[in-house]
C-alpha atoms as a PDB file:
ATOM      1  CA  UNK A   1      15.006 -67.734  -5.108  1.00  0.00           C
ATOM      2  CA  UNK A   2      17.326 -66.697  -7.910  1.00  0.00           C
ATOM      3  CA  UNK A   3      14.529 -66.695 -10.478  1.00  0.00           C
ATOM      4  CA  UNK A   4      12.375 -64.454  -8.344  1.00  0.00           C
ATOM      5  CA  UNK A   5      15.221 -62.015  -7.728  1.00  0.00           C
ATOM      6  CA  UNK A   6      16.057 -61.918 -11.439  1.00  0.00           C
ATOM      7  CA  UNK A   7      12.405 -61.290 -12.327  1.00  0.00           C
ATOM      8  CA  UNK A   8      11.977 -58.493  -9.778  1.00  0.00           C
ATOM      9  CA  UNK A   9      15.307 -56.940 -10.786  1.00  0.00           C
ATOM     10  CA  UNK A  10      14.432 -57.092 -14.478  1.00  0.00           C
ATOM     11  CA  UNK A  11      11.028 -55.521 -13.952  1.00  0.00           C
ATOM     12  CA  UNK A  12      12.543 -52.854 -11.704  1.00  0.00           C
ATOM     13  CA  UNK A  13      15.134 -52.026 -14.377  1.00  0.00           C
ATOM     14  CA  UNK A  14      12.495 -51.959 -17.125  1.00  0.00           C
ATOM     15  CA  UNK A  15      10.337 -49.644 -15.031  1.00  0.00           C
ATOM     16  CA  UNK A  16      13.289 -47.332 -14.366  1.00  0.00           C
ATOM     17  CA  UNK A  17      14.249 -47.229 -18.060  1.00  0.00           C
ATOM     18  CA  UNK A  18      10.684 -46.233 -18.959  1.00  0.00           C
ATOM     19  CA  UNK A  19      10.789 -43.500 -16.334  1.00  0.00           C
ATOM     20  CA  UNK A  20       7.992 -45.141 -14.343  1.00  0.00           C
ATOM     21  CA  UNK A  21       7.702 -45.193 -10.582  1.00  0.00           C
ATOM     22  CA  UNK A  22       9.937 -47.957  -9.194  1.00  0.00           C
ATOM     23  CA  UNK A  23       8.859 -47.811  -5.554  1.00  0.00           C
ATOM     24  CA  UNK A  24       6.588 -50.849  -5.816  1.00  0.00           C
ATOM     25  CA  UNK A  25       9.383 -52.978  -7.270  1.00  0.00           C
ATOM     26  CA  UNK A  26      11.777 -51.910  -4.516  1.00  0.00           C
ATOM     27  CA  UNK A  27       9.127 -52.825  -1.943  1.00  0.00           C
ATOM     28  CA  UNK A  28       8.569 -56.202  -3.639  1.00  0.00           C
ATOM     29  CA  UNK A  29      12.302 -56.824  -3.477  1.00  0.00           C
ATOM     30  CA  UNK A  30      12.409 -55.961   0.231  1.00  0.00           C
ATOM     31  CA  UNK A  31       9.471 -58.280   0.893  1.00  0.00           C
ATOM     32  CA  UNK A  32      11.112 -61.135  -0.981  1.00  0.00           C
ATOM     33  CA  UNK A  33      14.345 -60.677   0.961  1.00  0.00           C
ATOM     34  CA  UNK A  34      12.427 -60.513   4.245  1.00  0.00           C
ATOM     35  CA  UNK A  35      10.708 -63.801   3.340  1.00  0.00           C
ATOM     36  CA  UNK A  36      14.127 -65.328   2.595  1.00  0.00           C
ATOM     37  CA  UNK A  37      15.369 -64.110   5.964  1.00  0.00           C
ATOM     38  CA  UNK A  38      12.435 -65.658   7.820  1.00  0.00           C
ATOM     39  CA  UNK A  39      12.675 -68.887   5.839  1.00  0.00           C
ATOM     40  CA  UNK A  40      16.398 -69.148   6.449  1.00  0.00           C
ATOM     41  CA  UNK A  41      15.962 -68.839  10.187  1.00  0.00           C
ATOM     42  CA  UNK A  42      14.514 -72.374  10.337  1.00  0.00           C
ATOM     43  CA  UNK A  43      17.784 -73.882   9.023  1.00  0.00           C
ATOM     44  CA  UNK A  44      20.136 -71.263  10.479  1.00  0.00           C
ATOM     45  CA  UNK A  45      21.552 -73.683  13.047  1.00  0.00           C
ATOM     46  CA  UNK A  46      22.471 -76.214  10.328  1.00  0.00           C
ATOM     47  CA  UNK A  47      24.740 -73.793   8.442  1.00  0.00           C
ATOM     48  CA  UNK A  48      28.428 -73.068   8.878  1.00  0.00           C
ATOM     49  CA  UNK A  49      29.209 -69.736  10.536  1.00  0.00           C
ATOM     50  CA  UNK A  50      30.344 -68.190   7.226  1.00  0.00           C
ATOM     51  CA  UNK A  51      27.088 -69.262   5.565  1.00  0.00           C
ATOM     52  CA  UNK A  52      25.092 -67.768   8.423  1.00  0.00           C
ATOM     53  CA  UNK A  53      26.857 -64.425   8.089  1.00  0.00           C
ATOM     54  CA  UNK A  54      26.498 -64.321   4.306  1.00  0.00           C
ATOM     55  CA  UNK A  55      22.823 -65.306   4.464  1.00  0.00           C
ATOM     56  CA  UNK A  56      21.901 -62.848   7.185  1.00  0.00           C
ATOM     57  CA  UNK A  57      24.055 -60.055   5.790  1.00  0.00           C
ATOM     58  CA  UNK A  58      22.712 -60.466   2.270  1.00  0.00           C
ATOM     59  CA  UNK A  59      19.113 -60.524   3.448  1.00  0.00           C
ATOM     60  CA  UNK A  60      19.582 -57.457   5.647  1.00  0.00           C
ATOM     61  CA  UNK A  61      21.272 -55.511   2.851  1.00  0.00           C
ATOM     62  CA  UNK A  62      18.485 -56.564   0.463  1.00  0.00           C
ATOM     63  CA  UNK A  63      15.713 -55.535   2.844  1.00  0.00           C
ATOM     64  CA  UNK A  64      17.466 -52.243   3.613  1.00  0.00           C
ATOM     65  CA  UNK A  65      18.012 -51.430  -0.049  1.00  0.00           C
ATOM     66  CA  UNK A  66      14.416 -52.292  -0.894  1.00  0.00           C
ATOM     67  CA  UNK A  67      13.053 -50.095   1.876  1.00  0.00           C
ATOM     68  CA  UNK A  68      15.385 -47.262   0.875  1.00  0.00           C
ATOM     69  CA  UNK A  69      14.232 -47.515  -2.735  1.00  0.00           C
ATOM     70  CA  UNK A  70      10.582 -47.528  -1.713  1.00  0.00           C
ATOM     71  CA  UNK A  71      10.937 -44.564   0.659  1.00  0.00           C
ATOM     72  CA  UNK A  72      13.280 -42.315  -1.329  1.00  0.00           C
ATOM     73  CA  UNK A  73      12.185 -39.039  -2.799  1.00  0.00           C
ATOM     74  CA  UNK A  74      11.558 -38.883  -6.494  1.00  0.00           C
ATOM     75  CA  UNK A  75      12.520 -35.982  -8.672  1.00  0.00           C
ATOM     76  CA  UNK A  76       9.574 -33.913  -9.759  1.00  0.00           C
ATOM     77  CA  UNK A  77       9.095 -33.838 -13.495  1.00  0.00           C
ATOM     78  CA  UNK A  78      10.009 -30.476 -14.910  1.00  0.00           C
ATOM     79  CA  UNK A  79       7.128 -28.468 -16.245  1.00  0.00           C
ATOM     80  CA  UNK A  80       7.841 -26.093 -19.074  1.00  0.00           C
ATOM     81  CA  UNK A  81       7.775 -22.453 -18.120  1.00  0.00           C
ATOM     82  CA  UNK A  82       5.669 -20.017 -20.165  1.00  0.00           C
ATOM     83  CA  UNK A  83       8.853 -18.518 -21.618  1.00  0.00           C
ATOM     84  CA  UNK A  84      10.083 -21.875 -22.981  1.00  0.00           C
ATOM     85  CA  UNK A  85       7.831 -21.525 -25.960  1.00  0.00           C
END
């Protein structure tokens, strides 16, 4: 799981630094965290209470952040006005 998160995060950062649209990477991140959440549910009962809270909380924050990033408004690129030369 850590490798996948590092890969998605790196590609998201690279896309942002290039000024490209990052919505797809945020959505990929949300999907990965949702898969972790579903996968973790099968062993949820075997974990300590603190592990359950950290696992569920982390997954929910990850899914929420990914959905926010995918749904947020993007700034329109400025077009030069005719008086700008």
